PDB file of all heavy atoms in Angstrom:
ATOM      1  N   ASN A   1       3.849   8.396  -8.818  1.00  0.00           N
ATOM      2  CA  ASN A   1       5.024   9.250  -8.562  1.00  0.00           C
ATOM      3  C   ASN A   1       5.252  10.288  -9.656  1.00  0.00           C
ATOM      4  O   ASN A   1       5.820  11.346  -9.409  1.00  0.00           O
ATOM      5  CB  ASN A   1       6.265   8.376  -8.388  1.00  0.00           C
ATOM      6  CG  ASN A   1       6.272   7.656  -7.054  1.00  0.00           C
ATOM      7  OD1 ASN A   1       5.631   8.075  -6.103  1.00  0.00           O
ATOM      8  ND2 ASN A   1       6.991   6.544  -6.989  1.00  0.00           N
ATOM      9  N   GLY A   2       4.796  10.008 -10.855  1.00  0.00           N
ATOM     10  CA  GLY A   2       4.911  10.980 -11.937  1.00  0.00           C
ATOM     11  C   GLY A   2       4.049  12.202 -11.724  1.00  0.00           C
ATOM     12  O   GLY A   2       4.335  13.281 -12.250  1.00  0.00           O
ATOM     13  N   ARG A   3       2.978  12.024 -10.936  1.00  0.00           N
ATOM     14  CA  ARG A   3       2.055  13.121 -10.648  1.00  0.00           C
ATOM     15  C   ARG A   3       2.178  13.611  -9.228  1.00  0.00           C
ATOM     16  O   ARG A   3       1.384  14.450  -8.803  1.00  0.00           O
ATOM     17  CB  ARG A   3       0.631  12.687 -10.936  1.00  0.00           C
ATOM     18  CG  ARG A   3       0.347  12.371 -12.393  1.00  0.00           C
ATOM     19  CD  ARG A   3      -0.992  11.671 -12.545  1.00  0.00           C
ATOM     20  NE  ARG A   3      -2.096  12.383 -11.946  1.00  0.00           N
ATOM     21  CZ  ARG A   3      -3.306  11.880 -11.779  1.00  0.00           C
ATOM     22  NH1 ARG A   3      -3.565  10.640 -12.179  1.00  0.00           N
ATOM     23  NH2 ARG A   3      -4.276  12.604 -11.238  1.00  0.00           N
ATOM     24  N   ASN A   4       3.166  13.084  -8.487  1.00  0.00           N
ATOM     25  CA  ASN A   4       3.349  13.476  -7.082  1.00  0.00           C
ATOM     26  C   ASN A   4       2.055  13.373  -6.284  1.00  0.00           C
ATOM     27  O   ASN A   4       1.707  14.263  -5.496  1.00  0.00           O
ATOM     28  CB  ASN A   4       3.882  14.922  -6.991  1.00  0.00           C
ATOM     29  CG  ASN A   4       5.344  15.024  -7.379  1.00  0.00           C
ATOM     30  OD1 ASN A   4       5.967  14.050  -7.796  1.00  0.00           O
ATOM     31  ND2 ASN A   4       5.898  16.219  -7.296  1.00  0.00           N
ATOM     32  N   THR A   5       1.356  12.299  -6.493  1.00  0.00           N
ATOM     33  CA  THR A   5       0.046  12.135  -5.859  1.00  0.00           C
ATOM     34  C   THR A   5      -0.108  10.737  -5.271  1.00  0.00           C
ATOM     35  O   THR A   5       0.338   9.754  -5.867  1.00  0.00           O
ATOM     36  CB  THR A   5      -1.081  12.375  -6.910  1.00  0.00           C
ATOM     37  OG1 THR A   5      -0.926  13.677  -7.483  1.00  0.00           O
ATOM     38  CG2 THR A   5      -2.449  12.294  -6.257  1.00  0.00           C
ATOM     39  N   VAL A   6      -0.728  10.704  -4.124  1.00  0.00           N
ATOM     40  CA  VAL A   6      -1.074   9.435  -3.483  1.00  0.00           C
ATOM     41  C   VAL A   6      -2.573   9.370  -3.330  1.00  0.00           C
ATOM     42  O   VAL A   6      -3.234  10.411  -3.126  1.00  0.00           O
ATOM     43  CB  VAL A   6      -0.349   9.257  -2.126  1.00  0.00           C
ATOM     44  CG1 VAL A   6      -0.751  10.326  -1.132  1.00  0.00           C
ATOM     45  CG2 VAL A   6      -0.587   7.872  -1.560  1.00  0.00           C
ATOM     46  N   PHE A   7      -3.123   8.185  -3.444  1.00  0.00           N
ATOM     47  CA  PHE A   7      -4.572   8.004  -3.455  1.00  0.00           C
ATOM     48  C   PHE A   7      -4.991   7.024  -2.357  1.00  0.00           C
ATOM     49  O   PHE A   7      -4.217   6.137  -1.957  1.00  0.00           O
ATOM     50  CB  PHE A   7      -5.052   7.463  -4.797  1.00  0.00           C
ATOM     51  CG  PHE A   7      -4.670   8.292  -5.978  1.00  0.00           C
ATOM     52  CD1 PHE A   7      -3.473   8.094  -6.650  1.00  0.00           C
ATOM     53  CD2 PHE A   7      -5.499   9.294  -6.421  1.00  0.00           C
ATOM     54  CE1 PHE A   7      -3.105   8.849  -7.742  1.00  0.00           C
ATOM     55  CE2 PHE A   7      -5.185  10.075  -7.512  1.00  0.00           C
ATOM     56  CZ  PHE A   7      -3.977   9.867  -8.184  1.00  0.00           C
ATOM     57  N   LEU A   8      -6.232   7.174  -1.930  1.00  0.00           N
ATOM     58  CA  LEU A   8      -6.826   6.190  -1.022  1.00  0.00           C
ATOM     59  C   LEU A   8      -8.206   5.845  -1.586  1.00  0.00           C
ATOM     60  O   LEU A   8      -9.122   6.679  -1.536  1.00  0.00           O
ATOM     61  CB  LEU A   8      -6.945   6.745   0.396  1.00  0.00           C
ATOM     62  CG  LEU A   8      -7.490   5.740   1.418  1.00  0.00           C
ATOM     63  CD1 LEU A   8      -6.459   4.624   1.661  1.00  0.00           C
ATOM     64  CD2 LEU A   8      -7.809   6.433   2.749  1.00  0.00           C
ATOM     65  N   GLN A   9      -8.311   4.671  -2.150  1.00  0.00           N
ATOM     66  CA  GLN A   9      -9.576   4.187  -2.647  1.00  0.00           C
ATOM     67  C   GLN A   9     -10.325   3.502  -1.502  1.00  0.00           C
ATOM     68  O   GLN A   9      -9.825   2.546  -0.930  1.00  0.00           O
ATOM     69  CB  GLN A   9      -9.362   3.194  -3.787  1.00  0.00           C
ATOM     70  CG  GLN A   9     -10.637   2.577  -4.352  1.00  0.00           C
ATOM     71  CD  GLN A   9     -11.509   3.586  -5.065  1.00  0.00           C
ATOM     72  OE1 GLN A   9     -11.004   4.429  -5.789  1.00  0.00           O
ATOM     73  NE2 GLN A   9     -12.830   3.503  -4.836  1.00  0.00           N
ATOM     74  N   MET A  10     -11.486   4.025  -1.182  1.00  0.00           N
ATOM     75  CA  MET A  10     -12.258   3.506  -0.050  1.00  0.00           C
ATOM     76  C   MET A  10     -13.527   2.866  -0.573  1.00  0.00           C
ATOM     77  O   MET A  10     -14.379   3.555  -1.153  1.00  0.00           O
ATOM     78  CB  MET A  10     -12.569   4.640   0.912  1.00  0.00           C
ATOM     79  CG  MET A  10     -11.343   5.407   1.405  1.00  0.00           C
ATOM     80  SD  MET A  10     -11.731   6.622   2.668  1.00  0.00           S
ATOM     81  CE  MET A  10     -12.764   7.742   1.725  1.00  0.00           C
ATOM     82  N   ASN A  11     -13.650   1.574  -0.371  1.00  0.00           N
ATOM     83  CA  ASN A  11     -14.830   0.822  -0.810  1.00  0.00           C
ATOM     84  C   ASN A  11     -15.587   0.289   0.381  1.00  0.00           C
ATOM     85  O   ASN A  11     -15.061   0.185   1.493  1.00  0.00           O
ATOM     86  CB  ASN A  11     -14.386  -0.329  -1.706  1.00  0.00           C
ATOM     87  CG  ASN A  11     -13.629   0.129  -2.935  1.00  0.00           C
ATOM     88  OD1 ASN A  11     -13.939   1.130  -3.560  1.00  0.00           O
ATOM     89  ND2 ASN A  11     -12.575  -0.621  -3.289  1.00  0.00           N
ATOM     90  N   LYS A  12     -16.831  -0.059   0.144  1.00  0.00           N
ATOM     91  CA  LYS A  12     -17.684  -0.639   1.208  1.00  0.00           C
ATOM     92  C   LYS A  12     -17.615   0.210   2.463  1.00  0.00           C
ATOM     93  O   LYS A  12     -17.387  -0.295   3.568  1.00  0.00           O
ATOM     94  CB  LYS A  12     -17.258  -2.066   1.475  1.00  0.00           C
ATOM     95  CG  LYS A  12     -17.374  -2.982   0.272  1.00  0.00           C
ATOM     96  CD  LYS A  12     -16.916  -4.404   0.610  1.00  0.00           C
ATOM     97  CE  LYS A  12     -16.987  -5.300  -0.599  1.00  0.00           C
ATOM     98  NZ  LYS A  12     -16.495  -6.696  -0.300  1.00  0.00           N
ATOM     99  N   LEU A  13     -17.825   1.488   2.296  1.00  0.00           N
ATOM    100  CA  LEU A  13     -17.716   2.419   3.422  1.00  0.00           C
ATOM    101  C   LEU A  13     -18.723   2.091   4.510  1.00  0.00           C
ATOM    102  O   LEU A  13     -19.843   1.636   4.236  1.00  0.00           O
ATOM    103  CB  LEU A  13     -17.919   3.839   2.951  1.00  0.00           C
ATOM    104  CG  LEU A  13     -16.712   4.455   2.226  1.00  0.00           C
ATOM    105  CD1 LEU A  13     -17.111   5.705   1.470  1.00  0.00           C
ATOM    106  CD2 LEU A  13     -15.599   4.782   3.211  1.00  0.00           C
ATOM    107  N   LYS A  14     -18.319   2.359   5.732  1.00  0.00           N
ATOM    108  CA  LYS A  14     -19.149   2.130   6.905  1.00  0.00           C
ATOM    109  C   LYS A  14     -19.284   3.443   7.687  1.00  0.00           C
ATOM    110  O   LYS A  14     -18.419   4.299   7.597  1.00  0.00           O
ATOM    111  CB  LYS A  14     -18.504   1.078   7.825  1.00  0.00           C
ATOM    112  CG  LYS A  14     -18.240  -0.264   7.181  1.00  0.00           C
ATOM    113  CD  LYS A  14     -17.514  -1.184   8.124  1.00  0.00           C
ATOM    114  CE  LYS A  14     -17.219  -2.526   7.513  1.00  0.00           C
ATOM    115  NZ  LYS A  14     -16.505  -3.437   8.458  1.00  0.00           N
ATOM    116  N   PRO A  15     -20.356   3.600   8.454  1.00  0.00           N
ATOM    117  CA  PRO A  15     -20.492   4.824   9.263  1.00  0.00           C
ATOM    118  C   PRO A  15     -19.279   5.067  10.169  1.00  0.00           C
ATOM    119  O   PRO A  15     -18.915   6.246  10.383  1.00  0.00           O
ATOM    120  CB  PRO A  15     -21.763   4.540  10.085  1.00  0.00           C
ATOM    121  CG  PRO A  15     -22.563   3.650   9.220  1.00  0.00           C
ATOM    122  CD  PRO A  15     -21.562   2.750   8.542  1.00  0.00           C
ATOM    123  N   GLU A  16     -18.657   4.023  10.636  1.00  0.00           N
ATOM    124  CA  GLU A  16     -17.475   4.200  11.516  1.00  0.00           C
ATOM    125  C   GLU A  16     -16.252   4.696  10.763  1.00  0.00           C
ATOM    126  O   GLU A  16     -15.237   4.991  11.366  1.00  0.00           O
ATOM    127  CB  GLU A  16     -17.141   2.916  12.270  1.00  0.00           C
ATOM    128  CG  GLU A  16     -17.045   1.677  11.392  1.00  0.00           C
ATOM    129  CD  GLU A  16     -18.344   0.863  11.379  1.00  0.00           C
ATOM    130  OE1 GLU A  16     -19.432   1.477  11.245  1.00  0.00           O
ATOM    131  OE2 GLU A  16     -18.254  -0.374  11.488  1.00  0.00           O
ATOM    132  N   ASP A  17     -16.334   4.809   9.427  1.00  0.00           N
ATOM    133  CA  ASP A  17     -15.241   5.402   8.663  1.00  0.00           C
ATOM    134  C   ASP A  17     -15.335   6.929   8.657  1.00  0.00           C
ATOM    135  O   ASP A  17     -14.431   7.598   8.127  1.00  0.00           O
ATOM    136  CB  ASP A  17     -15.271   4.904   7.210  1.00  0.00           C
ATOM    137  CG  ASP A  17     -14.972   3.417   7.091  1.00  0.00           C
ATOM    138  OD1 ASP A  17     -14.096   2.929   7.816  1.00  0.00           O
ATOM    139  OD2 ASP A  17     -15.607   2.751   6.256  1.00  0.00           O
ATOM    140  N   THR A  18     -16.405   7.464   9.216  1.00  0.00           N
ATOM    141  CA  THR A  18     -16.571   8.922   9.262  1.00  0.00           C
ATOM    142  C   THR A  18     -15.444   9.551  10.059  1.00  0.00           C
ATOM    143  O   THR A  18     -15.204   9.184  11.216  1.00  0.00           O
ATOM    144  CB  THR A  18     -17.914   9.285   9.897  1.00  0.00           C
ATOM    145  OG1 THR A  18     -18.982   8.806   9.029  1.00  0.00           O
ATOM    146  CG2 THR A  18     -18.059  10.778  10.092  1.00  0.00           C
ATOM    147  N   ALA A  19     -14.752  10.502   9.419  1.00  0.00           N
ATOM    148  CA  ALA A  19     -13.597  11.143  10.052  1.00  0.00           C
ATOM    149  C   ALA A  19     -13.046  12.191   9.094  1.00  0.00           C
ATOM    150  O   ALA A  19     -13.450  12.239   7.928  1.00  0.00           O
ATOM    151  CB  ALA A  19     -12.519  10.128  10.395  1.00  0.00           C
ATOM    152  N   VAL A  20     -12.121  12.972   9.580  1.00  0.00           N
ATOM    153  CA  VAL A  20     -11.284  13.815   8.730  1.00  0.00           C
ATOM    154  C   VAL A  20     -10.075  12.962   8.354  1.00  0.00           C
ATOM    155  O   VAL A  20      -9.415  12.408   9.227  1.00  0.00           O
ATOM    156  CB  VAL A  20     -10.861  15.102   9.435  1.00  0.00           C
ATOM    157  CG1 VAL A  20      -9.927  15.909   8.511  1.00  0.00           C
ATOM    158  CG2 VAL A  20     -12.051  15.915   9.834  1.00  0.00           C
ATOM    159  N   TYR A  21      -9.822  12.874   7.055  1.00  0.00           N
ATOM    160  CA  TYR A  21      -8.708  12.057   6.554  1.00  0.00           C
ATOM    161  C   TYR A  21      -7.555  12.972   6.165  1.00  0.00           C
ATOM    162  O   TYR A  21      -7.726  13.978   5.477  1.00  0.00           O
ATOM    163  CB  TYR A  21      -9.183  11.248   5.353  1.00  0.00           C
ATOM    164  CG  TYR A  21     -10.006  10.050   5.745  1.00  0.00           C
ATOM    165  CD1 TYR A  21     -11.303  10.217   6.221  1.00  0.00           C
ATOM    166  CD2 TYR A  21      -9.492   8.761   5.680  1.00  0.00           C
ATOM    167  CE1 TYR A  21     -12.062   9.113   6.609  1.00  0.00           C
ATOM    168  CE2 TYR A  21     -10.242   7.658   6.068  1.00  0.00           C
ATOM    169  CZ  TYR A  21     -11.524   7.853   6.528  1.00  0.00           C
ATOM    170  OH  TYR A  21     -12.276   6.773   6.923  1.00  0.00           O
ATOM    171  N   TYR A  22      -6.358  12.556   6.601  1.00  0.00           N
ATOM    172  CA  TYR A  22      -5.148  13.303   6.361  1.00  0.00           C
ATOM    173  C   TYR A  22      -4.135  12.446   5.632  1.00  0.00           C
ATOM    174  O   TYR A  22      -3.988  11.253   5.956  1.00  0.00           O
ATOM    175  CB  TYR A  22      -4.506  13.743   7.676  1.00  0.00           C
ATOM    176  CG  TYR A  22      -5.357  14.643   8.546  1.00  0.00           C
ATOM    177  CD1 TYR A  22      -6.231  14.097   9.464  1.00  0.00           C
ATOM    178  CD2 TYR A  22      -5.276  16.029   8.433  1.00  0.00           C
ATOM    179  CE1 TYR A  22      -7.004  14.899  10.277  1.00  0.00           C
ATOM    180  CE2 TYR A  22      -6.052  16.855   9.260  1.00  0.00           C
ATOM    181  CZ  TYR A  22      -6.912  16.282  10.160  1.00  0.00           C
ATOM    182  OH  TYR A  22      -7.688  17.076  10.975  1.00  0.00           O
ATOM    183  N   CYS A  23      -3.434  13.048   4.680  1.00  0.00           N
ATOM    184  CA  CYS A  23      -2.278  12.349   4.139  1.00  0.00           C
ATOM    185  C   CYS A  23      -1.035  12.971   4.768  1.00  0.00           C
ATOM    186  O   CYS A  23      -1.061  14.108   5.262  1.00  0.00           O
ATOM    187  CB  CYS A  23      -2.214  12.450   2.627  1.00  0.00           C
ATOM    188  SG  CYS A  23      -1.834  14.082   1.972  1.00  0.00           S
ATOM    189  N   ALA A  24       0.017  12.188   4.801  1.00  0.00           N
ATOM    190  CA  ALA A  24       1.235  12.631   5.447  1.00  0.00           C
ATOM    191  C   ALA A  24       2.452  12.026   4.755  1.00  0.00           C
ATOM    192  O   ALA A  24       2.378  10.899   4.213  1.00  0.00           O
ATOM    193  CB  ALA A  24       1.219  12.230   6.930  1.00  0.00           C
ATOM    194  N   ARG A  25       3.566  12.759   4.792  1.00  0.00           N
ATOM    195  CA  ARG A  25       4.804  12.285   4.207  1.00  0.00           C
ATOM    196  C   ARG A  25       5.767  11.851   5.287  1.00  0.00           C
ATOM    197  O   ARG A  25       5.938  12.548   6.289  1.00  0.00           O
ATOM    198  CB  ARG A  25       5.445  13.418   3.382  1.00  0.00           C
ATOM    199  CG  ARG A  25       6.510  12.923   2.402  1.00  0.00           C
ATOM    200  CD  ARG A  25       7.570  13.972   2.196  1.00  0.00           C
ATOM    201  NE  ARG A  25       8.529  14.013   3.296  1.00  0.00           N
ATOM    202  CZ  ARG A  25       9.579  14.810   3.354  1.00  0.00           C
ATOM    203  NH1 ARG A  25       9.793  15.650   2.342  1.00  0.00           N
ATOM    204  NH2 ARG A  25      10.413  14.776   4.376  1.00  0.00           N
TER     205      ARG A  25
END
């Protein structure tokens, strides 16, 4: 919150994770 930033750590990626990723408020 101090940096006004949200993160998504993605591990063990799979081909089905292929997509455009969006963040939203």
